[in-house]
């Protein structure tokens, strides 16, 4: 195994990979507040390649989500520059994009609850709203029988059929997070982008949520998990990208990237990594 200091500047480890392009970043730089929050960021993820993106606070994870979700835009050093491509396209209608790349995050959860009447909507209505990229259903939106059928399938897949008639503001955080996953799945996107999806969940709810994500992964939906919790890297996730200061620190096959040496260098502290049954755990210090 190579030491990170001996890698090429991009930090990429060679690996045999297949699948159509899902997310491609080529020298993507995003400036906010006068500084580069993403700095010449380059990596790609392919369909069918479950991937985790990890790093310390301030490494650029949130900025990456904003870039993919079209909340921020990269610098364009030339007219023909294409710093970000999603599903091999660099131009997207936002509503069409959200039907192809389902996004689930704690921030989305809060924005839906905070929307006008959002918390009073039923689980089913919120799932159906995923077809329209809205936070609820409105009179001008026509729900087809195909949409209704796919809504039922998505609720069943995440084990949330019993929550269809329940109001969002009457659900636990874990129940509402399942509804958000169903909402993202209902339009049958090519992949799911999960941004710190277990934030706010207690220990039991978090484990139930991760088990449900495993079922989604086994159904063939590509997972792109952004997190700072090593223990959330599911056995189904085979590739890991480590970020530091808005750049790729190291990326490649999970078994090669997730080592005590690499994480200690990334976090500038002694980190001891353990692996058991396909799951990882980490602790700081010499204990």
C-alpha atoms as a PDB file:
ATOM      1  CA  UNK A   1       0.000   0.000   0.000  1.00  0.00           C
ATOM      2  CA  UNK A   2       1.359   3.386  -0.929  1.00  0.00           C
ATOM      3  CA  UNK A   3       1.740   6.173   1.550  1.00  0.00           C
ATOM      4  CA  UNK A   4      -0.456   9.189   0.672  1.00  0.00           C
ATOM      5  CA  UNK A   5       2.636  11.368   0.431  1.00  0.00           C
ATOM      6  CA  UNK A   6       3.908   9.179  -2.425  1.00  0.00           C
ATOM      7  CA  UNK A   7       0.713   9.358  -4.445  1.00  0.00           C
ATOM      8  CA  UNK A   8       0.155  11.676  -7.373  1.00  0.00           C
ATOM      9  CA  UNK A   9      -1.279  15.079  -6.344  1.00  0.00           C
ATOM     10  CA  UNK A  10      -4.853  13.953  -7.050  1.00  0.00           C
ATOM     11  CA  UNK A  11      -4.619  11.176  -4.459  1.00  0.00           C
ATOM     12  CA  UNK A  12      -6.175   8.563  -6.741  1.00  0.00           C
ATOM     13  CA  UNK A  13      -5.447   4.859  -6.298  1.00  0.00           C
ATOM     14  CA  UNK A  14      -5.638   2.713  -9.398  1.00  0.00           C
ATOM     15  CA  UNK A  15      -8.595   0.317  -9.609  1.00  0.00           C
ATOM     16  CA  UNK A  16     -10.532  -1.533 -12.268  1.00  0.00           C
ATOM     17  CA  UNK A  17     -13.929   0.109 -12.558  1.00  0.00           C
ATOM     18  CA  UNK A  18     -17.013  -0.205 -14.722  1.00  0.00           C
ATOM     19  CA  UNK A  19     -20.411   1.439 -15.124  1.00  0.00           C
ATOM     20  CA  UNK A  20     -21.690   4.593 -16.813  1.00  0.00           C
ATOM     21  CA  UNK A  21     -20.552   7.972 -15.419  1.00  0.00           C
ATOM     22  CA  UNK A  22     -22.753   9.190 -12.565  1.00  0.00           C
ATOM     23  CA  UNK A  23     -20.883  12.182 -11.147  1.00  0.00           C
ATOM     24  CA  UNK A  24     -17.727  13.633 -12.681  1.00  0.00           C
ATOM     25  CA  UNK A  25     -15.789  16.573 -11.233  1.00  0.00           C
ATOM     26  CA  UNK A  26     -12.870  17.972 -13.223  1.00  0.00           C
ATOM     27  CA  UNK A  27     -10.862  20.707 -11.498  1.00  0.00           C
ATOM     28  CA  UNK A  28     -13.992  22.090  -9.821  1.00  0.00           C
ATOM     29  CA  UNK A  29     -13.394  25.208  -7.746  1.00  0.00           C
ATOM     30  CA  UNK A  30     -16.091  27.024  -5.774  1.00  0.00           C
ATOM     31  CA  UNK A  31     -15.417  30.369  -4.102  1.00  0.00           C
ATOM     32  CA  UNK A  32     -17.504  31.494  -1.163  1.00  0.00           C
ATOM     33  CA  UNK A  33     -16.720  34.365   1.184  1.00  0.00           C
ATOM     34  CA  UNK A  34     -13.533  35.104  -0.704  1.00  0.00           C
ATOM     35  CA  UNK A  35     -12.005  31.635  -0.270  1.00  0.00           C
ATOM     36  CA  UNK A  36     -12.034  28.355  -2.164  1.00  0.00           C
ATOM     37  CA  UNK A  37     -14.383  25.951  -0.341  1.00  0.00           C
ATOM     38  CA  UNK A  38     -13.766  23.446  -3.157  1.00  0.00           C
ATOM     39  CA  UNK A  39     -10.294  23.706  -4.610  1.00  0.00           C
ATOM     40  CA  UNK A  40      -9.511  22.040  -7.945  1.00  0.00           C
ATOM     41  CA  UNK A  41     -11.636  19.059  -6.906  1.00  0.00           C
ATOM     42  CA  UNK A  42     -11.370  16.084  -9.254  1.00  0.00           C
ATOM     43  CA  UNK A  43     -12.977  12.650  -8.968  1.00  0.00           C
ATOM     44  CA  UNK A  44     -15.686  10.570 -10.589  1.00  0.00           C
ATOM     45  CA  UNK A  45     -18.333   8.091  -9.439  1.00  0.00           C
ATOM     46  CA  UNK A  46     -19.892   5.493 -11.713  1.00  0.00           C
ATOM     47  CA  UNK A  47     -23.364   3.961 -11.640  1.00  0.00           C
ATOM     48  CA  UNK A  48     -23.509   0.836  -9.526  1.00  0.00           C
ATOM     49  CA  UNK A  49     -20.469   1.973  -7.550  1.00  0.00           C
ATOM     50  CA  UNK A  50     -21.673   2.594  -3.998  1.00  0.00           C
ATOM     51  CA  UNK A  51     -19.365   5.304  -2.676  1.00  0.00           C
ATOM     52  CA  UNK A  52     -18.744   7.063   0.637  1.00  0.00           C
ATOM     53  CA  UNK A  53     -17.259  10.558   0.880  1.00  0.00           C
ATOM     54  CA  UNK A  54     -15.655  11.304   4.237  1.00  0.00           C
ATOM     55  CA  UNK A  55     -13.552  13.987   5.823  1.00  0.00           C
ATOM     56  CA  UNK A  56     -13.190  16.312   8.807  1.00  0.00           C
ATOM     57  CA  UNK A  57     -15.367  19.356   9.381  1.00  0.00           C
ATOM     58  CA  UNK A  58     -14.594  22.044   6.831  1.00  0.00           C
ATOM     59  CA  UNK A  59     -13.220  19.602   4.251  1.00  0.00           C
ATOM     60  CA  UNK A  60     -15.818  20.563   1.632  1.00  0.00           C
ATOM     61  CA  UNK A  61     -18.534  17.913   2.050  1.00  0.00           C
ATOM     62  CA  UNK A  62     -21.384  20.423   2.422  1.00  0.00           C
ATOM     63  CA  UNK A  63     -20.017  22.536  -0.414  1.00  0.00           C
ATOM     64  CA  UNK A  64     -19.954  19.455  -2.635  1.00  0.00           C
ATOM     65  CA  UNK A  65     -23.649  18.832  -1.918  1.00  0.00           C
ATOM     66  CA  UNK A  66     -24.470  22.454  -2.763  1.00  0.00           C
ATOM     67  CA  UNK A  67     -22.550  22.136  -6.022  1.00  0.00           C
ATOM     68  CA  UNK A  68     -24.317  18.938  -7.077  1.00  0.00           C
ATOM     69  CA  UNK A  69     -27.701  20.372  -6.049  1.00  0.00           C
ATOM     70  CA  UNK A  70     -27.133  23.515  -8.150  1.00  0.00           C
ATOM     71  CA  UNK A  71     -27.096  25.809  -5.112  1.00  0.00           C
ATOM     72  CA  UNK A  72     -23.508  26.823  -5.921  1.00  0.00           C
ATOM     73  CA  UNK A  73     -21.695  27.015  -9.253  1.00  0.00           C
ATOM     74  CA  UNK A  74     -18.029  26.372 -10.068  1.00  0.00           C
ATOM     75  CA  UNK A  75     -15.586  28.786 -11.605  1.00  0.00           C
ATOM     76  CA  UNK A  76     -15.317  28.476 -15.380  1.00  0.00           C
ATOM     77  CA  UNK A  77     -11.681  29.085 -16.356  1.00  0.00           C
ATOM     78  CA  UNK A  78     -12.576  28.815 -20.057  1.00  0.00           C
ATOM     79  CA  UNK A  79     -15.670  28.678 -22.255  1.00  0.00           C
ATOM     80  CA  UNK A  80     -15.314  24.962 -22.875  1.00  0.00           C
ATOM     81  CA  UNK A  81     -14.607  24.026 -19.241  1.00  0.00           C
ATOM     82  CA  UNK A  82     -16.972  21.413 -17.771  1.00  0.00           C
ATOM     83  CA  UNK A  83     -16.101  21.243 -14.061  1.00  0.00           C
ATOM     84  CA  UNK A  84     -19.147  19.124 -13.158  1.00  0.00           C
ATOM     85  CA  UNK A  85     -21.092  16.550 -15.123  1.00  0.00           C
ATOM     86  CA  UNK A  86     -23.991  14.531 -13.726  1.00  0.00           C
ATOM     87  CA  UNK A  87     -25.003  11.396 -15.622  1.00  0.00           C
ATOM     88  CA  UNK A  88     -22.579  12.577 -18.320  1.00  0.00           C
ATOM     89  CA  UNK A  89     -24.407  15.888 -18.825  1.00  0.00           C
ATOM     90  CA  UNK A  90     -23.268  19.338 -17.739  1.00  0.00           C
ATOM     91  CA  UNK A  91     -26.623  21.103 -18.222  1.00  0.00           C
ATOM     92  CA  UNK A  92     -29.780  20.114 -16.371  1.00  0.00           C
ATOM     93  CA  UNK A  93     -33.230  21.427 -15.679  1.00  0.00           C
ATOM     94  CA  UNK A  94     -33.322  21.356 -11.873  1.00  0.00           C
ATOM     95  CA  UNK A  95     -36.620  19.447 -11.698  1.00  0.00           C
ATOM     96  CA  UNK A  96     -35.380  16.850 -14.163  1.00  0.00           C
ATOM     97  CA  UNK A  97     -32.135  16.481 -12.224  1.00  0.00           C
ATOM     98  CA  UNK A  98     -33.994  15.788  -8.988  1.00  0.00           C
ATOM     99  CA  UNK A  99     -35.918  13.001 -10.692  1.00  0.00           C
ATOM    100  CA  UNK A 100     -32.638  11.338 -11.673  1.00  0.00           C
ATOM    101  CA  UNK A 101     -30.586  12.014  -8.539  1.00  0.00           C
ATOM    102  CA  UNK A 102     -32.593  11.673  -5.331  1.00  0.00           C
ATOM    103  CA  UNK A 103     -31.183  13.752  -2.474  1.00  0.00           C
ATOM    104  CA  UNK A 104     -31.825  13.023   1.200  1.00  0.00           C
ATOM    105  CA  UNK A 105     -30.435  15.147   4.023  1.00  0.00           C
ATOM    106  CA  UNK A 106     -31.229  16.421   7.475  1.00  0.00           C
ATOM    107  CA  UNK A 107     -31.379  19.940   5.974  1.00  0.00           C
ATOM    108  CA  UNK A 108     -34.050  18.816   3.499  1.00  0.00           C
ATOM    109  CA  UNK A 109     -35.984  17.304   6.401  1.00  0.00           C
ATOM    110  CA  UNK A 110     -35.955  20.629   8.236  1.00  0.00           C
ATOM    111  CA  UNK A 111     -36.863  22.671   5.158  1.00  0.00           C
ATOM    112  CA  UNK A 112     -39.892  20.460   4.482  1.00  0.00           C
ATOM    113  CA  UNK A 113     -41.076  20.665   8.076  1.00  0.00           C
ATOM    114  CA  UNK A 114     -40.583  24.435   7.960  1.00  0.00           C
ATOM    115  CA  UNK A 115     -42.455  24.848   4.686  1.00  0.00           C
ATOM    116  CA  UNK A 116     -45.968  26.240   4.795  1.00  0.00           C
ATOM    117  CA  UNK A 117     -48.105  23.377   6.089  1.00  0.00           C
ATOM    118  CA  UNK A 118     -45.277  20.879   5.442  1.00  0.00           C
ATOM    119  CA  UNK A 119     -45.531  19.185   8.809  1.00  0.00           C
ATOM    120  CA  UNK A 120     -49.290  18.665   8.448  1.00  0.00           C
ATOM    121  CA  UNK A 121     -48.959  16.675   5.247  1.00  0.00           C
ATOM    122  CA  UNK A 122     -49.294  12.918   5.243  1.00  0.00           C
ATOM    123  CA  UNK A 123     -46.419  10.593   4.547  1.00  0.00           C
ATOM    124  CA  UNK A 124     -48.011   9.565   1.255  1.00  0.00           C
ATOM    125  CA  UNK A 125     -48.456  13.177   0.083  1.00  0.00           C
ATOM    126  CA  UNK A 126     -44.839  13.942   0.862  1.00  0.00           C
ATOM    127  CA  UNK A 127     -43.638  10.895  -1.070  1.00  0.00           C
ATOM    128  CA  UNK A 128     -45.802  11.816  -4.077  1.00  0.00           C
ATOM    129  CA  UNK A 129     -44.373  15.354  -3.973  1.00  0.00           C
ATOM    130  CA  UNK A 130     -41.043  13.856  -5.028  1.00  0.00           C
ATOM    131  CA  UNK A 131     -42.407  13.557  -8.570  1.00  0.00           C
ATOM    132  CA  UNK A 132     -42.803  17.342  -8.667  1.00  0.00           C
ATOM    133  CA  UNK A 133     -39.686  18.294  -6.644  1.00  0.00           C
ATOM    134  CA  UNK A 134     -41.986  20.213  -4.307  1.00  0.00           C
ATOM    135  CA  UNK A 135     -42.522  20.075  -0.547  1.00  0.00           C
ATOM    136  CA  UNK A 136     -46.146  19.022  -0.815  1.00  0.00           C
ATOM    137  CA  UNK A 137     -49.020  18.533  -3.232  1.00  0.00           C
ATOM    138  CA  UNK A 138     -50.860  21.434  -4.839  1.00  0.00           C
ATOM    139  CA  UNK A 139     -54.128  21.640  -6.756  1.00  0.00           C
ATOM    140  CA  UNK A 140     -52.469  22.137 -10.145  1.00  0.00           C
ATOM    141  CA  UNK A 141     -50.399  18.964  -9.817  1.00  0.00           C
ATOM    142  CA  UNK A 142     -51.931  15.863 -11.383  1.00  0.00           C
ATOM    143  CA  UNK A 143     -51.081  12.578  -9.670  1.00  0.00           C
ATOM    144  CA  UNK A 144     -51.303   9.726 -12.154  1.00  0.00           C
ATOM    145  CA  UNK A 145     -52.075   6.105 -11.359  1.00  0.00           C
ATOM    146  CA  UNK A 146     -48.464   5.247 -12.229  1.00  0.00           C
ATOM    147  CA  UNK A 147     -47.236   7.784  -9.666  1.00  0.00           C
ATOM    148  CA  UNK A 148     -49.551   6.336  -7.024  1.00  0.00           C
ATOM    149  CA  UNK A 149     -48.318   2.821  -7.762  1.00  0.00           C
ATOM    150  CA  UNK A 150     -44.661   3.831  -7.569  1.00  0.00           C
ATOM    151  CA  UNK A 151     -45.371   5.695  -4.329  1.00  0.00           C
ATOM    152  CA  UNK A 152     -46.738   2.507  -2.780  1.00  0.00           C
ATOM    153  CA  UNK A 153     -43.717   0.540  -3.984  1.00  0.00           C
ATOM    154  CA  UNK A 154     -41.291   3.079  -2.528  1.00  0.00           C
ATOM    155  CA  UNK A 155     -43.086   3.102   0.829  1.00  0.00           C
ATOM    156  CA  UNK A 156     -42.998  -0.696   0.911  1.00  0.00           C
ATOM    157  CA  UNK A 157     -39.297  -0.829   0.014  1.00  0.00           C
ATOM    158  CA  UNK A 158     -38.305   1.311   2.994  1.00  0.00           C
ATOM    159  CA  UNK A 159     -40.775  -0.380   5.351  1.00  0.00           C
ATOM    160  CA  UNK A 160     -42.942   2.724   5.702  1.00  0.00           C
ATOM    161  CA  UNK A 161     -46.311   1.586   4.349  1.00  0.00           C
ATOM    162  CA  UNK A 162     -47.824   2.026   7.806  1.00  0.00           C
ATOM    163  CA  UNK A 163     -46.778   5.696   7.755  1.00  0.00           C
ATOM    164  CA  UNK A 164     -48.666   6.601   4.567  1.00  0.00           C
ATOM    165  CA  UNK A 165     -51.587   8.279   6.355  1.00  0.00           C
ATOM    166  CA  UNK A 166     -49.622   9.650   9.321  1.00  0.00           C
ATOM    167  CA  UNK A 167     -48.813  13.364   9.484  1.00  0.00           C
ATOM    168  CA  UNK A 168     -45.154  14.292   9.196  1.00  0.00           C
ATOM    169  CA  UNK A 169     -45.225  16.361  12.390  1.00  0.00           C
ATOM    170  CA  UNK A 170     -46.550  13.325  14.268  1.00  0.00           C
ATOM    171  CA  UNK A 171     -43.695  11.082  13.154  1.00  0.00           C
ATOM    172  CA  UNK A 172     -40.431  10.420  14.953  1.00  0.00           C
ATOM    173  CA  UNK A 173     -37.294  11.716  13.245  1.00  0.00           C
ATOM    174  CA  UNK A 174     -36.468   8.179  12.127  1.00  0.00           C
ATOM    175  CA  UNK A 175     -39.935   7.657  10.633  1.00  0.00           C
ATOM    176  CA  UNK A 176     -39.787  10.970   8.767  1.00  0.00           C
ATOM    177  CA  UNK A 177     -36.333  10.113   7.425  1.00  0.00           C
ATOM    178  CA  UNK A 178     -37.748   6.878   5.965  1.00  0.00           C
ATOM    179  CA  UNK A 179     -40.441   8.927   4.249  1.00  0.00           C
ATOM    180  CA  UNK A 180     -37.744  11.158   2.737  1.00  0.00           C
ATOM    181  CA  UNK A 181     -35.956   8.103   1.359  1.00  0.00           C
ATOM    182  CA  UNK A 182     -39.250   6.872  -0.135  1.00  0.00           C
ATOM    183  CA  UNK A 183     -39.806  10.358  -1.601  1.00  0.00           C
ATOM    184  CA  UNK A 184     -36.388  10.230  -3.246  1.00  0.00           C
ATOM    185  CA  UNK A 185     -36.976   6.692  -4.562  1.00  0.00           C
ATOM    186  CA  UNK A 186     -40.512   7.108  -5.921  1.00  0.00           C
ATOM    187  CA  UNK A 187     -39.511   8.833  -9.217  1.00  0.00           C
ATOM    188  CA  UNK A 188     -37.060   5.934  -9.753  1.00  0.00           C
ATOM    189  CA  UNK A 189     -33.837   7.996  -9.817  1.00  0.00           C
ATOM    190  CA  UNK A 190     -30.577   6.560 -11.095  1.00  0.00           C
ATOM    191  CA  UNK A 191     -28.883   7.166  -7.730  1.00  0.00           C
ATOM    192  CA  UNK A 192     -29.349   8.486  -4.199  1.00  0.00           C
ATOM    193  CA  UNK A 193     -27.158  11.246  -2.754  1.00  0.00           C
ATOM    194  CA  UNK A 194     -27.289  10.976   1.038  1.00  0.00           C
ATOM    195  CA  UNK A 195     -25.972  13.967   2.960  1.00  0.00           C
ATOM    196  CA  UNK A 196     -25.369  13.104   6.639  1.00  0.00           C
ATOM    197  CA  UNK A 197     -28.713  11.235   6.560  1.00  0.00           C
ATOM    198  CA  UNK A 198     -28.585   9.955  10.167  1.00  0.00           C
ATOM    199  CA  UNK A 199     -28.239  13.404  11.764  1.00  0.00           C
ATOM    200  CA  UNK A 200     -30.797  13.704  14.571  1.00  0.00           C
ATOM    201  CA  UNK A 201     -31.461   9.950  14.827  1.00  0.00           C
ATOM    202  CA  UNK A 202     -30.979   8.075  18.077  1.00  0.00           C
ATOM    203  CA  UNK A 203     -28.898   4.896  18.259  1.00  0.00           C
ATOM    204  CA  UNK A 204     -31.736   2.479  17.467  1.00  0.00           C
ATOM    205  CA  UNK A 205     -33.315   4.643  14.748  1.00  0.00           C
ATOM    206  CA  UNK A 206     -29.927   5.089  13.144  1.00  0.00           C
ATOM    207  CA  UNK A 207     -29.327   1.341  12.981  1.00  0.00           C
ATOM    208  CA  UNK A 208     -32.782   0.762  11.505  1.00  0.00           C
ATOM    209  CA  UNK A 209     -32.098   3.477   8.935  1.00  0.00           C
ATOM    210  CA  UNK A 210     -28.752   1.982   7.892  1.00  0.00           C
ATOM    211  CA  UNK A 211     -30.307  -1.483   7.594  1.00  0.00           C
ATOM    212  CA  UNK A 212     -32.945  -0.002   5.318  1.00  0.00           C
ATOM    213  CA  UNK A 213     -30.226   1.634   3.192  1.00  0.00           C
ATOM    214  CA  UNK A 214     -28.621  -1.777   2.754  1.00  0.00           C
ATOM    215  CA  UNK A 215     -31.891  -3.071   1.311  1.00  0.00           C
ATOM    216  CA  UNK A 216     -31.992  -0.116  -1.104  1.00  0.00           C
ATOM    217  CA  UNK A 217     -28.402  -0.780  -2.189  1.00  0.00           C
ATOM    218  CA  UNK A 218     -29.168  -4.451  -2.794  1.00  0.00           C
ATOM    219  CA  UNK A 219     -32.066  -3.425  -5.041  1.00  0.00           C
ATOM    220  CA  UNK A 220     -29.466  -1.883  -7.358  1.00  0.00           C
ATOM    221  CA  UNK A 221     -29.890   1.819  -6.587  1.00  0.00           C
ATOM    222  CA  UNK A 222     -26.480   3.512  -6.488  1.00  0.00           C
ATOM    223  CA  UNK A 223     -25.675   5.127  -3.134  1.00  0.00           C
ATOM    224  CA  UNK A 224     -23.437   8.164  -2.758  1.00  0.00           C
ATOM    225  CA  UNK A 225     -23.086   8.673   1.001  1.00  0.00           C
ATOM    226  CA  UNK A 226     -21.575  11.860   2.406  1.00  0.00           C
ATOM    227  CA  UNK A 227     -20.757  11.461   6.093  1.00  0.00           C
ATOM    228  CA  UNK A 228     -18.145  11.941   8.799  1.00  0.00           C
ATOM    229  CA  UNK A 229     -19.100   8.710  10.584  1.00  0.00           C
ATOM    230  CA  UNK A 230     -16.841   5.788   9.644  1.00  0.00           C
ATOM    231  CA  UNK A 231     -19.332   3.314  11.094  1.00  0.00           C
ATOM    232  CA  UNK A 232     -21.927   4.364   8.485  1.00  0.00           C
ATOM    233  CA  UNK A 233     -19.809   2.982   5.648  1.00  0.00           C
ATOM    234  CA  UNK A 234     -21.959  -0.059   4.853  1.00  0.00           C
ATOM    235  CA  UNK A 235     -20.471  -3.352   3.630  1.00  0.00           C
ATOM    236  CA  UNK A 236     -22.143  -2.670   0.260  1.00  0.00           C
ATOM    237  CA  UNK A 237     -20.025   0.487  -0.157  1.00  0.00           C
ATOM    238  CA  UNK A 238     -16.851  -0.546  -1.951  1.00  0.00           C
ATOM    239  CA  UNK A 239     -15.259   2.819  -2.729  1.00  0.00           C
ATOM    240  CA  UNK A 240     -14.247   5.696  -0.464  1.00  0.00           C
ATOM    241  CA  UNK A 241     -13.202   9.276  -1.214  1.00  0.00           C
ATOM    242  CA  UNK A 242     -11.435  11.233   1.532  1.00  0.00           C
ATOM    243  CA  UNK A 243     -11.591  15.030   1.344  1.00  0.00           C
ATOM    244  CA  UNK A 244      -9.377  17.624   2.995  1.00  0.00           C
ATOM    245  CA  UNK A 245      -9.449  21.384   2.461  1.00  0.00           C
ATOM    246  CA  UNK A 246     -11.699  21.113  -0.567  1.00  0.00           C
ATOM    247  CA  UNK A 247      -9.506  18.591  -2.383  1.00  0.00           C
ATOM    248  CA  UNK A 248      -9.282  14.834  -2.750  1.00  0.00           C
ATOM    249  CA  UNK A 249      -6.876  13.597  -0.108  1.00  0.00           C
ATOM    250  CA  UNK A 250      -7.161   9.952  -1.153  1.00  0.00           C
ATOM    251  CA  UNK A 251      -9.677   7.831  -3.033  1.00  0.00           C
ATOM    252  CA  UNK A 252      -9.967   4.254  -4.171  1.00  0.00           C
ATOM    253  CA  UNK A 253     -11.160   0.814  -3.009  1.00  0.00           C
ATOM    254  CA  UNK A 254     -12.475   0.890   0.555  1.00  0.00           C
ATOM    255  CA  UNK A 255     -10.011  -1.676   1.906  1.00  0.00           C
ATOM    256  CA  UNK A 256      -7.062   0.348   0.615  1.00  0.00           C
ATOM    257  CA  UNK A 257      -8.275   3.790   1.646  1.00  0.00           C
ATOM    258  CA  UNK A 258      -9.679   3.070   5.108  1.00  0.00           C
ATOM    259  CA  UNK A 259      -6.569   2.394   7.155  1.00  0.00           C
ATOM    260  CA  UNK A 260      -5.383   3.739  10.497  1.00  0.00           C
ATOM    261  CA  UNK A 261      -2.393   5.377   8.788  1.00  0.00           C
ATOM    262  CA  UNK A 262      -4.461   7.241   6.205  1.00  0.00           C
ATOM    263  CA  UNK A 263      -7.081   8.434   8.676  1.00  0.00           C
ATOM    264  CA  UNK A 264      -4.428   9.553  11.150  1.00  0.00           C
ATOM    265  CA  UNK A 265      -2.834  11.642   8.420  1.00  0.00           C
ATOM    266  CA  UNK A 266      -6.197  13.007   7.272  1.00  0.00           C
ATOM    267  CA  UNK A 267      -7.309  14.081  10.750  1.00  0.00           C
ATOM    268  CA  UNK A 268      -3.808  14.988  11.981  1.00  0.00           C
ATOM    269  CA  UNK A 269      -4.370  12.844  15.057  1.00  0.00           C
ATOM    270  CA  UNK A 270      -3.819   9.238  15.995  1.00  0.00           C
ATOM    271  CA  UNK A 271      -6.754   7.200  14.717  1.00  0.00           C
ATOM    272  CA  UNK A 272      -7.113   3.468  15.228  1.00  0.00           C
ATOM    273  CA  UNK A 273      -9.408   1.718  12.787  1.00  0.00           C
ATOM    274  CA  UNK A 274     -11.091  -1.619  13.303  1.00  0.00           C
ATOM    275  CA  UNK A 275     -13.070  -3.758  10.890  1.00  0.00           C
ATOM    276  CA  UNK A 276     -15.497  -6.502  11.809  1.00  0.00           C
ATOM    277  CA  UNK A 277     -18.051  -8.232   9.641  1.00  0.00           C
ATOM    278  CA  UNK A 278     -17.729  -5.663   6.868  1.00  0.00           C
ATOM    279  CA  UNK A 279     -18.237  -2.695   9.219  1.00  0.00           C
ATOM    280  CA  UNK A 280     -15.620  -0.210  10.380  1.00  0.00           C
ATOM    281  CA  UNK A 281     -15.168   1.683  13.635  1.00  0.00           C
ATOM    282  CA  UNK A 282     -12.564   4.218  14.653  1.00  0.00           C
ATOM    283  CA  UNK A 283     -11.269   5.730  17.850  1.00  0.00           C
ATOM    284  CA  UNK A 284      -8.769   8.469  18.593  1.00  0.00           C
ATOM    285  CA  UNK A 285      -5.731   8.131  20.812  1.00  0.00           C
ATOM    286  CA  UNK A 286      -3.783   5.143  21.928  1.00  0.00           C
ATOM    287  CA  UNK A 287      -6.642   3.237  23.681  1.00  0.00           C
END
